[in-house]
């Protein structure tokens, strides 16, 4: 990665359930952060068009109405939304990572995904990361991403990656991101909460105890940074209750909590709660070098001879590929030519073709 990079965590409110207005606000935020020298700008989970805080708390009839509106305001990649956001990134000269609810690009599908959109400083779509496993009632809203969505992107800042919310508690997923050589990580969340004994008992953080001691986000972000020796730009959703429909406020945890952390797990900025603010920090590559010198998860502190990770990166498809027809006589001739038992040749062909 480059030696010094200024980054921004954009803790701003979406114009809830309004894709056009939220994209416009994102562009203005990118412009402001770019004026202030930010070269990487990160927005919260499903910033466009806002996180579905109504998930799982409403009757199915009302839930269906809201889902239809959510679909109408979702982001297609690519689309006019990504074009407009790309223009803003190009003008700012900044890489942008934007949480959005994405409409599936597969013809005939209306499935939504919890997605991170990556734009480069020329405004081009670098790619996306779809959340692999929506948490709890989120599975009523979003589909599951696949191995093809586990990405680390090369840039002139360094290798950029990102995960969504409780993916930061998935041990093997963190190891996969490290193995891909990630250097700067974008972590996005729907807010900041207080937990009462277990993760199923959450409520929005307002005032009271030390915010870092009552929410699992702080240790998750700091451990991710240290464990993978990466910088983390972590952005939590912020949304006042009065921005939501009255019947949808029961699970509004959007108190913010954005922070920027160095590879030793030390805070460079934040956390900031209950306000709109763009947080800035300068990343110093020597912080990563020094941490790597002490604890290198891919080098002298790894034991791939003892524990290894299998990463299956093939793309999923609803259409099965037809198996090639191989003449049995050709298999016999090949086996005889190379002095191999026919059964071994057949087994090899089966393995190469895959399940």
Protein backbone atom coordinates (compact mmCIF):
# COMPACT_ATOMS: atom_id res chain seq x y z
CA UNK A 1 0.00 0.00 0.00
CA UNK A 2 1.01 3.63 -0.38
CA UNK A 3 2.87 5.19 2.52
CA UNK A 4 0.25 7.79 3.54
CA UNK A 5 -3.45 7.86 2.65
CA UNK A 6 -6.24 10.11 3.92
CA UNK A 7 -9.52 8.25 4.40
CA UNK A 8 -13.05 9.24 5.38
CA UNK A 9 -15.86 7.42 7.21
CA UNK A 10 -19.10 9.05 6.04
CA UNK A 11 -21.53 8.78 8.95
CA UNK A 12 -24.47 10.49 7.29
CA UNK A 13 -28.18 9.70 7.19
CA UNK A 14 -29.82 8.40 4.02
CA UNK A 15 -33.03 9.96 2.78
CA UNK A 16 -34.86 6.91 3.99
CA UNK A 17 -36.40 4.60 1.35
CA UNK A 18 -35.68 7.16 -1.36
CA UNK A 19 -32.98 5.98 -3.75
CA UNK A 20 -32.80 9.13 -5.89
CA UNK A 21 -32.48 11.51 -2.94
CA UNK A 22 -30.01 9.28 -1.11
CA UNK A 23 -27.76 8.99 -4.17
CA UNK A 24 -27.84 12.79 -4.44
CA UNK A 25 -26.83 13.11 -0.77
CA UNK A 26 -24.06 10.55 -1.26
CA UNK A 27 -22.67 12.63 -4.15
CA UNK A 28 -22.65 15.79 -2.03
CA UNK A 29 -20.89 13.90 0.76
CA UNK A 30 -18.29 12.55 -1.67
CA UNK A 31 -17.73 16.09 -2.94
CA UNK A 32 -17.21 17.43 0.60
CA UNK A 33 -14.87 14.62 1.64
CA UNK A 34 -12.93 15.00 -1.60
CA UNK A 35 -12.47 18.73 -0.97
CA UNK A 36 -11.01 17.79 2.40
CA UNK A 37 -8.45 15.52 0.78
CA UNK A 38 -10.02 12.09 1.32
CA UNK A 39 -8.78 9.47 -1.13
CA UNK A 40 -11.06 6.70 0.16
CA UNK A 41 -14.65 7.41 1.28
CA UNK A 42 -16.77 4.71 2.94
CA UNK A 43 -20.53 4.75 3.62
CA UNK A 44 -22.56 2.59 6.02
CA UNK A 45 -24.38 -0.70 5.46
CA UNK A 46 -27.24 -0.38 2.93
CA UNK A 47 -26.85 3.40 2.92
CA UNK A 48 -28.88 3.35 -0.30
CA UNK A 49 -31.81 3.45 0.37
CA UNK A 50 -31.40 2.77 4.14
CA UNK A 51 -31.38 -0.29 6.36
CA UNK A 52 -34.77 -2.09 6.76
CA UNK A 53 -35.22 -1.48 10.49
CA UNK A 54 -38.77 -2.72 10.00
CA UNK A 55 -37.52 -6.23 9.27
CA UNK A 56 -39.26 -8.90 11.32
CA UNK A 57 -41.41 -6.58 13.47
CA UNK A 58 -44.44 -5.95 11.26
CA UNK A 59 -47.39 -8.02 9.99
CA UNK A 60 -46.75 -9.69 6.65
CA UNK A 61 -49.15 -7.34 4.81
CA UNK A 62 -47.24 -4.23 5.92
CA UNK A 63 -43.92 -6.01 5.46
CA UNK A 64 -44.89 -6.75 1.85
CA UNK A 65 -45.77 -3.10 1.18
CA UNK A 66 -42.40 -1.98 2.50
CA UNK A 67 -40.57 -4.69 0.55
CA UNK A 68 -42.10 -3.43 -2.69
CA UNK A 69 -40.90 0.10 -1.93
CA UNK A 70 -37.50 -1.28 -0.99
CA UNK A 71 -37.26 -3.11 -4.32
CA UNK A 72 -38.19 0.05 -6.22
CA UNK A 73 -35.39 2.01 -4.53
CA UNK A 74 -32.69 -0.67 -4.74
CA UNK A 75 -29.47 -0.27 -6.75
CA UNK A 76 -28.68 -2.22 -9.90
CA UNK A 77 -25.01 -2.68 -10.77
CA UNK A 78 -24.41 -1.10 -13.23
CA UNK A 79 -27.18 1.47 -13.59
CA UNK A 80 -27.84 5.21 -13.69
CA UNK A 81 -27.23 5.23 -9.92
CA UNK A 82 -23.73 3.78 -10.29
CA UNK A 83 -23.05 6.21 -13.17
CA UNK A 84 -23.98 9.22 -11.03
CA UNK A 85 -21.99 7.97 -8.05
CA UNK A 86 -19.05 7.20 -10.33
CA UNK A 87 -19.09 10.75 -11.68
CA UNK A 88 -18.95 12.06 -8.11
CA UNK A 89 -16.03 9.74 -7.28
CA UNK A 90 -14.17 10.86 -10.41
CA UNK A 91 -14.66 14.56 -9.62
CA UNK A 92 -13.46 13.98 -6.05
CA UNK A 93 -10.54 11.83 -7.21
CA UNK A 94 -11.47 9.31 -4.52
CA UNK A 95 -12.22 5.61 -4.22
CA UNK A 96 -15.71 5.09 -2.79
CA UNK A 97 -17.18 2.07 -1.01
CA UNK A 98 -20.94 2.40 -0.60
CA UNK A 99 -23.32 0.08 1.21
CA UNK A 100 -26.50 -0.50 -0.75
CA UNK A 101 -29.43 -2.83 -1.15
CA UNK A 102 -28.78 -4.27 -4.59
CA UNK A 103 -31.33 -5.62 -7.02
CA UNK A 104 -30.16 -8.88 -8.57
CA UNK A 105 -28.75 -8.50 -12.08
CA UNK A 106 -29.93 -11.97 -13.09
CA UNK A 107 -32.73 -11.72 -15.66
CA UNK A 108 -36.08 -12.62 -14.12
CA UNK A 109 -34.93 -12.24 -10.50
CA UNK A 110 -36.18 -9.62 -8.04
CA UNK A 111 -34.03 -10.87 -5.16
CA UNK A 112 -32.23 -8.22 -3.12
CA UNK A 113 -28.69 -8.41 -1.73
CA UNK A 114 -26.90 -6.58 1.06
CA UNK A 115 -24.01 -5.27 -1.01
CA UNK A 116 -20.86 -3.17 -0.89
CA UNK A 117 -20.29 -1.28 -4.15
CA UNK A 118 -16.64 -0.45 -4.95
CA UNK A 119 -15.87 2.52 -7.25
CA UNK A 120 -12.39 3.61 -8.27
CA UNK A 121 -11.10 7.19 -8.42
CA UNK A 122 -11.94 7.32 -12.15
CA UNK A 123 -15.57 6.53 -11.36
CA UNK A 124 -15.51 2.98 -12.69
CA UNK A 125 -17.25 0.08 -10.95
CA UNK A 126 -14.48 -2.13 -9.55
CA UNK A 127 -16.90 -4.77 -8.32
CA UNK A 128 -19.10 -5.68 -5.40
CA UNK A 129 -19.26 -7.76 -2.27
CA UNK A 130 -22.60 -9.34 -1.38
CA UNK A 131 -23.10 -10.32 2.26
CA UNK A 132 -22.65 -14.08 2.43
CA UNK A 133 -25.14 -14.76 5.22
CA UNK A 134 -27.83 -12.27 6.23
CA UNK A 135 -28.27 -12.30 10.00
CA UNK A 136 -31.44 -13.58 11.68
CA UNK A 137 -34.54 -11.82 10.26
CA UNK A 138 -32.38 -10.23 7.53
CA UNK A 139 -32.85 -13.52 5.68
CA UNK A 140 -36.44 -12.38 5.02
CA UNK A 141 -35.02 -9.38 3.11
CA UNK A 142 -31.82 -10.39 1.32
CA UNK A 143 -30.44 -13.37 -0.52
CA UNK A 144 -27.02 -14.90 0.22
CA UNK A 145 -23.86 -13.91 -1.58
CA UNK A 146 -21.46 -16.48 -2.99
CA UNK A 147 -17.74 -17.16 -3.12
CA UNK A 148 -17.48 -15.01 -6.24
CA UNK A 149 -18.43 -12.04 -4.05
CA UNK A 150 -15.45 -12.48 -1.71
CA UNK A 151 -13.16 -9.90 -3.30
CA UNK A 152 -10.04 -7.87 -2.62
CA UNK A 153 -9.44 -5.12 -5.18
CA UNK A 154 -6.10 -3.80 -6.38
CA UNK A 155 -5.84 0.00 -6.28
CA UNK A 156 -3.14 2.65 -6.21
CA UNK A 157 -3.94 3.09 -2.51
CA UNK A 158 -3.43 -0.57 -1.67
CA UNK A 159 -5.54 -3.73 -1.73
CA UNK A 160 -9.10 -2.84 -0.71
CA UNK A 161 -11.69 -5.21 0.75
CA UNK A 162 -14.83 -5.06 2.81
CA UNK A 163 -17.34 -7.06 4.82
CA UNK A 164 -20.82 -6.38 6.14
CA UNK A 165 -21.82 -6.40 9.82
CA UNK A 166 -21.77 -9.91 11.36
CA UNK A 167 -19.48 -11.21 8.63
CA UNK A 168 -16.84 -9.80 10.97
CA UNK A 169 -17.67 -12.63 13.37
CA UNK A 170 -17.14 -15.35 10.71
CA UNK A 171 -13.73 -16.78 11.57
CA UNK A 172 -12.91 -18.52 8.28
CA UNK A 173 -14.14 -15.55 6.26
CA UNK A 174 -11.66 -13.29 8.05
CA UNK A 175 -8.90 -15.77 7.29
CA UNK A 176 -9.88 -15.78 3.61
CA UNK A 177 -9.65 -11.98 3.43
CA UNK A 178 -6.18 -12.11 4.99
CA UNK A 179 -5.08 -14.79 2.53
CA UNK A 180 -6.21 -12.56 -0.35
CA UNK A 181 -3.73 -9.93 0.82
CA UNK A 182 -6.14 -7.25 2.01
CA UNK A 183 -4.43 -4.08 3.32
CA UNK A 184 -7.30 -1.61 3.84
CA UNK A 185 -10.62 -2.97 5.05
CA UNK A 186 -14.06 -1.34 4.91
CA UNK A 187 -16.42 -2.52 7.67
CA UNK A 188 -20.07 -1.47 7.54
CA UNK A 189 -22.85 -1.80 10.11
CA UNK A 190 -26.51 -0.70 10.60
CA UNK A 191 -25.67 1.30 13.73
CA UNK A 192 -24.48 0.85 17.31
CA UNK A 193 -26.34 -0.94 20.06
CA UNK A 194 -26.41 -2.04 23.66
CA UNK A 195 -26.66 -5.81 24.15
CA UNK A 196 -28.35 -7.34 27.17
CA UNK A 197 -26.49 -10.65 27.75
CA UNK A 198 -26.78 -11.92 24.15
CA UNK A 199 -26.97 -10.59 20.56
CA UNK A 200 -30.71 -11.21 20.31
CA UNK A 201 -31.35 -8.54 22.95
CA UNK A 202 -30.26 -5.32 21.27
CA UNK A 203 -31.44 -1.75 21.69
CA UNK A 204 -30.17 1.48 20.24
CA UNK A 205 -27.30 3.10 22.09
CA UNK A 206 -28.24 6.55 23.33
CA UNK A 207 -26.43 7.66 26.47
CA UNK A 208 -24.99 5.91 29.47
CA UNK A 209 -22.16 3.38 29.69
CA UNK A 210 -18.89 3.47 27.78
CA UNK A 211 -20.07 2.72 24.20
CA UNK A 212 -17.10 0.46 23.49
CA UNK A 213 -17.99 -1.82 26.42
CA UNK A 214 -21.63 -2.53 25.57
CA UNK A 215 -21.48 -3.32 21.83
CA UNK A 216 -19.71 -6.15 20.01
CA UNK A 217 -18.75 -3.86 17.10
CA UNK A 218 -15.79 -2.23 18.86
CA UNK A 219 -13.96 -5.47 19.73
CA UNK A 220 -14.86 -6.97 16.34
CA UNK A 221 -13.36 -4.06 14.41
CA UNK A 222 -10.25 -3.78 16.55
CA UNK A 223 -9.65 -7.54 16.51
CA UNK A 224 -10.16 -7.70 12.74
CA UNK A 225 -7.53 -4.98 12.33
CA UNK A 226 -5.00 -6.73 14.58
CA UNK A 227 -5.76 -10.27 13.44
CA UNK A 228 -5.36 -9.43 9.74
CA UNK A 229 -2.88 -6.52 10.18
CA UNK A 230 -5.04 -4.14 8.17
CA UNK A 231 -6.38 -0.63 8.51
CA UNK A 232 -10.14 -0.63 9.09
CA UNK A 233 -12.52 2.16 8.09
CA UNK A 234 -15.67 1.19 9.98
CA UNK A 235 -18.94 3.04 9.31
CA UNK A 236 -22.16 2.61 11.28
CA UNK A 237 -25.58 3.72 10.11
CA UNK A 238 -27.02 6.91 11.59
CA UNK A 239 -30.73 7.69 11.38
CA UNK A 240 -32.94 9.63 13.82
CA UNK A 241 -36.20 7.92 14.77
CA UNK A 242 -38.30 10.64 13.15
CA UNK A 243 -36.78 9.75 9.77
CA UNK A 244 -38.57 6.37 9.87
CA UNK A 245 -42.24 5.49 9.46
CA UNK A 246 -43.78 5.41 12.93
CA UNK A 247 -44.49 1.66 12.79
CA UNK A 248 -40.90 0.88 11.80
CA UNK A 249 -38.97 2.33 14.73
CA UNK A 250 -38.87 -0.73 16.99
CA UNK A 251 -35.46 -1.92 15.79
CA UNK A 252 -33.82 1.37 14.87
CA UNK A 253 -30.28 0.88 16.14
CA UNK A 254 -28.82 3.55 13.84
CA UNK A 255 -26.74 5.44 16.41
CA UNK A 256 -23.62 5.60 14.22
CA UNK A 257 -20.45 4.47 15.96
CA UNK A 258 -18.06 5.00 13.05
CA UNK A 259 -14.33 4.63 13.72
CA UNK A 260 -11.00 4.27 11.95
CA UNK A 261 -8.48 1.78 13.34
CA UNK A 262 -4.84 1.01 12.58
CA UNK A 263 -3.37 -2.52 12.13
CA UNK A 264 -2.49 -2.76 15.83
CA UNK A 265 -6.19 -2.31 16.66
CA UNK A 266 -5.66 1.24 17.93
CA UNK A 267 -8.19 3.98 17.28
CA UNK A 268 -7.20 6.72 14.86
CA UNK A 269 -10.64 8.37 14.94
CA UNK A 270 -13.99 7.82 16.66
CA UNK A 271 -16.21 6.19 17.62
CA UNK A 272 -18.72 8.98 17.01
CA UNK A 273 -22.32 8.48 18.10
CA UNK A 274 -25.69 10.14 17.51
CA UNK A 275 -24.67 12.74 14.96
CA UNK A 276 -23.91 13.19 11.31
CA UNK A 277 -20.21 13.60 10.78
CA UNK A 278 -17.48 12.69 8.32
CA UNK A 279 -14.54 11.23 10.23
CA UNK A 280 -11.04 11.54 8.78
CA UNK A 281 -7.71 9.86 9.48
CA UNK A 282 -4.37 9.49 7.76
CA UNK A 283 -3.17 5.91 7.35
CA UNK A 284 0.57 5.46 7.78
CA UNK A 285 1.85 2.29 6.11
CA UNK A 286 4.64 2.07 8.71
CA UNK A 287 1.94 1.19 11.28
CA UNK A 288 1.20 -1.91 9.25
CA UNK A 289 4.85 -2.74 8.70
CA UNK A 290 5.57 -2.50 12.43
CA UNK A 291 2.62 -4.74 13.32
CA UNK A 292 3.59 -7.23 10.61
CA UNK A 293 7.12 -7.32 11.98
CA UNK A 294 5.72 -8.43 15.34
CA UNK A 295 2.81 -10.63 14.21
CA UNK A 296 2.40 -11.57 10.55
CA UNK A 297 -0.69 -13.71 9.98
CA UNK A 298 0.47 -14.68 6.47
CA UNK A 299 4.16 -15.03 7.24
CA UNK A 300 6.10 -16.07 10.31
CA UNK A 301 2.96 -16.32 12.48
CA UNK A 302 1.14 -18.70 10.13
CA UNK A 303 1.11 -22.50 10.18
CA UNK A 304 -0.51 -23.54 6.91
CA UNK A 305 1.15 -26.95 7.36
CA UNK A 306 -1.11 -27.47 10.40
CA UNK A 307 -4.33 -25.58 9.53
CA UNK A 308 -5.42 -24.65 6.01
CA UNK A 309 -8.48 -22.98 4.51
CA UNK A 310 -10.32 -24.16 1.42
CA UNK A 311 -11.84 -21.31 -0.59
CA UNK A 312 -14.33 -22.31 -3.28
CA UNK A 313 -14.46 -19.42 -5.75
CA UNK A 314 -16.54 -20.89 -8.58
CA UNK A 315 -19.60 -18.86 -9.53
CA UNK A 316 -23.03 -20.30 -8.82
CA UNK A 317 -25.67 -20.61 -11.53
CA UNK A 318 -29.21 -21.99 -11.70
CA UNK A 319 -28.30 -23.60 -15.03
CA UNK A 320 -26.25 -26.77 -14.87
CA UNK A 321 -23.46 -27.11 -17.41
CA UNK A 322 -23.97 -30.11 -19.69
CA UNK A 323 -21.39 -32.80 -19.18
CA UNK A 324 -19.22 -33.38 -22.26
CA UNK A 325 -19.82 -36.68 -24.01
CA UNK A 326 -16.53 -38.62 -24.04
CA UNK A 327 -16.38 -41.72 -26.20
CA UNK A 328 -15.58 -44.79 -24.07
CA UNK A 329 -13.20 -46.12 -26.73
CA UNK A 330 -11.14 -42.91 -26.54
CA UNK A 331 -10.81 -43.34 -22.77
CA UNK A 332 -9.57 -46.91 -23.26
CA UNK A 333 -7.02 -45.81 -25.87
CA UNK A 334 -5.76 -43.00 -23.62
CA UNK A 335 -5.42 -45.43 -20.70
CA UNK A 336 -3.46 -47.91 -22.84
CA UNK A 337 -1.25 -45.21 -24.37
CA UNK A 338 -0.15 -43.88 -20.98
CA UNK A 339 -0.12 -47.18 -19.16
CA UNK A 340 -2.87 -46.18 -16.72
CA UNK A 341 -5.76 -48.30 -15.50
CA UNK A 342 -9.05 -47.36 -17.20
CA UNK A 343 -10.77 -46.83 -13.84
CA UNK A 344 -8.16 -44.23 -12.88
CA UNK A 345 -8.66 -42.33 -16.15
CA UNK A 346 -12.43 -42.32 -15.64
CA UNK A 347 -11.97 -41.14 -12.05
CA UNK A 348 -9.67 -38.33 -13.20
CA UNK A 349 -12.16 -37.12 -15.82
CA UNK A 350 -14.93 -37.15 -13.19
CA UNK A 351 -12.81 -35.14 -10.76
CA UNK A 352 -11.77 -32.56 -13.36
CA UNK A 353 -15.36 -32.00 -14.45
CA UNK A 354 -16.51 -31.57 -10.88
CA UNK A 355 -19.83 -32.20 -9.14
